[in-house]
């Protein structure tokens, strides 16, 4: 009897530790999101933004999702990083909460679970139809800092555009992860790769991958944090042209908001 209770106790302890530490989330895929939105066949521009929302906390470290929402409004598609899952079973994740505030559809792509539910990850918000989507875990070296990329297929003036949202590791495996997302980016004729790369502009591997993928950095001539040597947030374009670019300096997060309006690239 003592042996049985010892075995049960040990099993429960292991289960508790596993639940608290969390586990990696495998990839998923799906069909249309927001299919009832106005068809993008005649839409000639897309307003895109990216923001690492720091789990809804601003530079003052105060949790304020309405402030986060105000920083990313008036966009057609928003890529988000560091998005928290529901803290309780009766609460929405932060992507759902922001989507409700902004009247946008959402897709949450958790990278890990904790206490048997999604804990943190990336997300997208959209007011235009997503035809299909998938997310895929990135190369993982060690530790619990899991990462992924979210790939969405949109339409612009009747042409397919692929948008890839990612958040690379700060150190371990970052270069391998960067190569992985650029391999995905290279597959498409018209694509937008964006997110928190945790990589500054002077990084030789990043510049080499941008060049080899025929990508373009639309913020290269924009002053401010998007031009800073400490910059780690990126929007890389291929097969589309930026007609407007803007940077909203950190405040709603410890990262700036990068915005770009794109049209099809003239041949």
Protein backbone atom coordinates (compact mmCIF):
# COMPACT_ATOMS: atom_id res chain seq x y z
CA UNK A 1 0.00 0.00 0.00
CA UNK A 2 2.83 2.40 0.85
CA UNK A 3 4.41 1.67 -2.54
CA UNK A 4 1.13 2.42 -4.33
CA UNK A 5 0.67 5.73 -2.56
CA UNK A 6 4.30 6.66 -3.22
CA UNK A 7 3.80 5.93 -6.91
CA UNK A 8 0.61 8.00 -7.02
CA UNK A 9 2.26 10.90 -5.19
CA UNK A 10 5.26 10.86 -7.52
CA UNK A 11 2.98 10.77 -10.58
CA UNK A 12 0.91 13.70 -9.33
CA UNK A 13 4.06 15.68 -8.58
CA UNK A 14 5.39 15.06 -12.08
CA UNK A 15 2.03 16.09 -13.56
CA UNK A 16 2.04 19.28 -11.49
CA UNK A 17 5.57 20.19 -12.59
CA UNK A 18 4.79 19.47 -16.25
CA UNK A 19 1.63 21.59 -16.10
CA UNK A 20 3.42 24.49 -14.43
CA UNK A 21 6.45 24.45 -16.74
CA UNK A 22 4.37 23.99 -19.88
CA UNK A 23 4.98 22.31 -23.20
CA UNK A 24 5.51 23.17 -26.85
CA UNK A 25 2.49 23.55 -29.14
CA UNK A 26 2.58 21.73 -32.46
CA UNK A 27 1.61 23.37 -35.75
CA UNK A 28 -1.93 23.76 -37.03
CA UNK A 29 -3.65 24.82 -40.24
CA UNK A 30 -7.07 25.93 -41.35
CA UNK A 31 -9.34 27.47 -43.96
CA UNK A 32 -10.97 30.87 -44.41
CA UNK A 33 -11.12 33.48 -41.68
CA UNK A 34 -13.48 36.42 -42.11
CA UNK A 35 -14.95 35.02 -45.35
CA UNK A 36 -17.93 37.40 -45.12
CA UNK A 37 -15.72 40.50 -45.31
CA UNK A 38 -15.76 42.62 -48.42
CA UNK A 39 -14.02 40.70 -51.18
CA UNK A 40 -10.44 41.84 -51.73
CA UNK A 41 -10.63 41.30 -55.49
CA UNK A 42 -11.12 45.04 -56.01
CA UNK A 43 -9.05 46.21 -53.02
CA UNK A 44 -5.92 47.92 -54.29
CA UNK A 45 -4.08 48.53 -51.02
CA UNK A 46 -3.48 46.83 -47.69
CA UNK A 47 -2.62 48.58 -44.43
CA UNK A 48 -0.29 46.27 -42.49
CA UNK A 49 1.22 46.68 -39.01
CA UNK A 50 3.35 44.72 -36.58
CA UNK A 51 3.75 45.10 -32.82
CA UNK A 52 5.27 43.10 -30.01
CA UNK A 53 2.59 43.95 -27.45
CA UNK A 54 4.59 42.78 -24.40
CA UNK A 55 1.49 40.97 -23.13
CA UNK A 56 -0.46 44.25 -23.10
CA UNK A 57 1.99 46.15 -20.94
CA UNK A 58 3.36 49.55 -21.93
CA UNK A 59 6.69 51.12 -21.16
CA UNK A 60 5.23 51.97 -17.75
CA UNK A 61 4.68 48.21 -17.22
CA UNK A 62 0.94 48.79 -16.67
CA UNK A 63 -1.42 46.29 -18.28
CA UNK A 64 -3.67 48.30 -20.62
CA UNK A 65 -5.15 46.44 -23.61
CA UNK A 66 -7.33 49.40 -24.69
CA UNK A 67 -4.10 51.39 -25.04
CA UNK A 68 -2.63 48.56 -27.10
CA UNK A 69 -5.72 48.57 -29.33
CA UNK A 70 -5.46 52.33 -29.92
CA UNK A 71 -1.87 51.87 -31.12
CA UNK A 72 -2.85 49.43 -33.88
CA UNK A 73 -6.23 50.77 -35.06
CA UNK A 74 -7.12 51.66 -38.66
CA UNK A 75 -5.28 48.66 -40.13
CA UNK A 76 -6.42 45.84 -42.40
CA UNK A 77 -4.02 43.26 -40.96
CA UNK A 78 -1.95 43.33 -37.78
CA UNK A 79 0.80 40.90 -36.74
CA UNK A 80 1.25 40.58 -32.98
CA UNK A 81 3.93 38.98 -30.84
CA UNK A 82 4.07 38.22 -27.09
CA UNK A 83 0.33 37.65 -26.88
CA UNK A 84 -0.96 36.06 -23.69
CA UNK A 85 -3.48 33.27 -23.55
CA UNK A 86 -6.51 33.30 -21.30
CA UNK A 87 -5.53 33.56 -17.65
CA UNK A 88 -8.77 31.90 -16.62
CA UNK A 89 -11.07 29.51 -18.46
CA UNK A 90 -13.85 32.10 -18.66
CA UNK A 91 -11.62 34.81 -20.13
CA UNK A 92 -10.57 35.40 -23.77
CA UNK A 93 -6.97 35.37 -24.91
CA UNK A 94 -5.49 38.78 -25.68
CA UNK A 95 -5.92 38.37 -29.46
CA UNK A 96 -9.65 37.77 -28.99
CA UNK A 97 -9.93 40.74 -26.63
CA UNK A 98 -8.15 43.05 -29.08
CA UNK A 99 -10.20 41.70 -31.98
CA UNK A 100 -13.42 42.48 -30.16
CA UNK A 101 -12.25 46.02 -29.33
CA UNK A 102 -11.17 46.72 -32.92
CA UNK A 103 -13.99 44.76 -34.60
CA UNK A 104 -11.48 42.48 -36.33
CA UNK A 105 -11.26 38.72 -36.69
CA UNK A 106 -8.35 37.05 -34.92
CA UNK A 107 -6.10 34.01 -35.07
CA UNK A 108 -4.12 33.00 -32.01
CA UNK A 109 -1.04 30.81 -32.50
CA UNK A 110 0.30 29.80 -29.07
CA UNK A 111 3.88 28.62 -28.84
CA UNK A 112 3.49 26.91 -25.46
CA UNK A 113 0.91 25.75 -22.96
CA UNK A 114 0.86 26.11 -19.19
CA UNK A 115 -1.67 24.52 -16.86
CA UNK A 116 -2.98 22.61 -19.90
CA UNK A 117 -4.08 25.68 -21.87
CA UNK A 118 -2.44 28.13 -24.32
CA UNK A 119 -0.07 30.40 -22.43
CA UNK A 120 1.75 32.69 -24.89
CA UNK A 121 2.42 33.08 -28.59
CA UNK A 122 1.84 35.11 -31.75
CA UNK A 123 -1.42 36.29 -33.27
CA UNK A 124 -2.93 38.13 -36.22
CA UNK A 125 -5.91 40.48 -36.44
CA UNK A 126 -7.66 40.99 -39.77
CA UNK A 127 -10.50 42.91 -41.35
CA UNK A 128 -9.83 41.33 -44.76
CA UNK A 129 -10.40 37.68 -45.65
CA UNK A 130 -7.67 35.13 -44.96
CA UNK A 131 -8.07 32.36 -47.53
CA UNK A 132 -5.97 29.82 -45.66
CA UNK A 133 -3.46 29.79 -42.84
CA UNK A 134 -1.06 27.64 -40.87
CA UNK A 135 1.42 28.03 -38.09
CA UNK A 136 4.59 26.02 -37.63
CA UNK A 137 7.03 25.72 -34.70
CA UNK A 138 10.49 27.11 -35.31
CA UNK A 139 13.75 25.29 -34.72
CA UNK A 140 14.25 24.77 -30.99
CA UNK A 141 17.68 24.35 -29.42
CA UNK A 142 17.04 24.13 -25.68
CA UNK A 143 15.14 25.76 -22.84
CA UNK A 144 11.45 26.64 -22.72
CA UNK A 145 11.47 29.64 -25.08
CA UNK A 146 9.44 28.10 -27.90
CA UNK A 147 8.77 30.11 -31.10
CA UNK A 148 6.65 29.77 -34.24
CA UNK A 149 5.67 31.48 -37.47
CA UNK A 150 2.12 32.19 -38.63
CA UNK A 151 1.54 32.12 -42.40
CA UNK A 152 -1.62 33.66 -43.90
CA UNK A 153 -2.78 33.90 -47.51
CA UNK A 154 -4.54 37.15 -48.42
CA UNK A 155 -5.76 38.64 -51.70
CA UNK A 156 -4.94 42.06 -53.13
CA UNK A 157 -6.46 43.18 -56.44
CA UNK A 158 -7.09 39.55 -57.30
CA UNK A 159 -3.52 38.44 -56.57
CA UNK A 160 -2.36 36.19 -53.75
CA UNK A 161 -0.15 37.70 -51.05
CA UNK A 162 1.40 35.64 -48.26
CA UNK A 163 2.00 37.29 -44.89
CA UNK A 164 4.38 35.65 -42.40
CA UNK A 165 4.40 36.74 -38.75
CA UNK A 166 7.17 35.55 -36.44
CA UNK A 167 9.08 36.21 -33.22
CA UNK A 168 12.64 34.89 -33.15
CA UNK A 169 14.59 33.91 -30.05
CA UNK A 170 16.90 36.43 -28.45
CA UNK A 171 19.89 34.07 -28.50
CA UNK A 172 19.61 30.30 -28.68
CA UNK A 173 18.78 29.10 -32.17
CA UNK A 174 18.00 32.59 -33.49
CA UNK A 175 20.11 32.23 -36.63
CA UNK A 176 18.59 28.83 -37.46
CA UNK A 177 15.10 30.26 -36.88
CA UNK A 178 15.87 33.24 -39.11
CA UNK A 179 16.99 30.94 -41.90
CA UNK A 180 13.83 28.87 -41.46
CA UNK A 181 11.44 31.83 -41.83
CA UNK A 182 13.36 33.21 -44.81
CA UNK A 183 13.16 29.82 -46.52
CA UNK A 184 9.39 30.10 -46.15
CA UNK A 185 9.45 33.70 -47.39
CA UNK A 186 11.44 32.66 -50.47
CA UNK A 187 8.69 30.27 -51.59
CA UNK A 188 6.29 33.05 -52.57
CA UNK A 189 6.22 35.56 -55.41
CA UNK A 190 4.43 38.22 -53.36
CA UNK A 191 5.03 38.12 -49.62
CA UNK A 192 5.38 40.17 -46.45
CA UNK A 193 7.61 38.91 -43.64
CA UNK A 194 7.22 40.81 -40.39
CA UNK A 195 7.56 40.62 -36.64
CA UNK A 196 10.12 40.79 -33.86
CA UNK A 197 13.36 39.30 -35.19
CA UNK A 198 15.44 40.20 -32.12
CA UNK A 199 18.05 41.12 -34.70
CA UNK A 200 19.56 44.58 -35.40
CA UNK A 201 20.09 46.01 -38.91
CA UNK A 202 23.85 45.46 -38.88
CA UNK A 203 23.47 41.69 -38.51
CA UNK A 204 25.28 40.19 -41.56
CA UNK A 205 23.12 37.05 -41.76
CA UNK A 206 19.90 39.07 -41.81
CA UNK A 207 21.16 41.38 -44.53
CA UNK A 208 22.35 38.41 -46.58
CA UNK A 209 18.97 36.67 -46.26
CA UNK A 210 17.10 39.83 -47.26
CA UNK A 211 19.29 40.20 -50.33
CA UNK A 212 19.09 36.55 -51.39
CA UNK A 213 15.31 36.48 -50.97
CA UNK A 214 14.87 39.63 -53.12
CA UNK A 215 13.25 41.29 -50.13
CA UNK A 216 13.11 45.00 -49.44
CA UNK A 217 13.13 46.95 -46.17
CA UNK A 218 10.68 49.87 -46.66
CA UNK A 219 11.89 51.55 -43.45
CA UNK A 220 15.49 51.91 -44.55
CA UNK A 221 15.10 55.67 -45.06
CA UNK A 222 12.71 56.35 -42.17
CA UNK A 223 14.18 58.21 -39.17
CA UNK A 224 13.53 57.19 -35.59
CA UNK A 225 13.45 53.76 -33.99
CA UNK A 226 12.86 51.98 -37.30
CA UNK A 227 16.29 53.22 -38.46
CA UNK A 228 18.07 52.78 -35.11
CA UNK A 229 20.96 50.36 -34.76
CA UNK A 230 19.01 48.89 -31.83
CA UNK A 231 15.99 48.12 -33.99
CA UNK A 232 14.73 44.52 -33.80
CA UNK A 233 11.26 44.82 -35.40
CA UNK A 234 10.96 44.31 -39.14
CA UNK A 235 8.69 44.39 -42.18
CA UNK A 236 10.26 42.87 -45.30
CA UNK A 237 8.42 43.15 -48.64
CA UNK A 238 8.62 41.15 -51.85
CA UNK A 239 6.47 41.64 -54.94
CA UNK A 240 4.56 44.53 -53.36
CA UNK A 241 5.34 48.24 -53.10
CA UNK A 242 5.12 50.42 -50.01
CA UNK A 243 3.20 53.65 -50.65
CA UNK A 244 3.19 54.79 -47.01
CA UNK A 245 5.36 53.88 -44.02
CA UNK A 246 5.03 55.05 -40.44
CA UNK A 247 6.53 54.38 -37.03
CA UNK A 248 4.73 54.87 -33.75
CA UNK A 249 7.33 55.12 -31.04
CA UNK A 250 7.18 52.84 -27.96
CA UNK A 251 4.59 53.68 -25.36
CA UNK A 252 1.77 51.15 -25.63
CA UNK A 253 4.58 48.55 -25.55
CA UNK A 254 8.34 48.53 -25.16
CA UNK A 255 8.45 48.13 -28.96
CA UNK A 256 7.42 50.60 -31.70
CA UNK A 257 4.50 49.97 -34.03
CA UNK A 258 5.64 49.60 -37.64
CA UNK A 259 2.98 50.35 -40.26
CA UNK A 260 3.11 50.07 -44.04
CA UNK A 261 0.53 50.50 -46.79
CA UNK A 262 1.24 48.26 -49.77
CA UNK A 263 0.03 47.91 -53.34
CA UNK A 264 0.91 45.40 -56.02
CA UNK A 265 4.34 45.90 -57.53
CA UNK A 266 4.15 47.12 -61.11
CA UNK A 267 5.82 44.80 -63.56
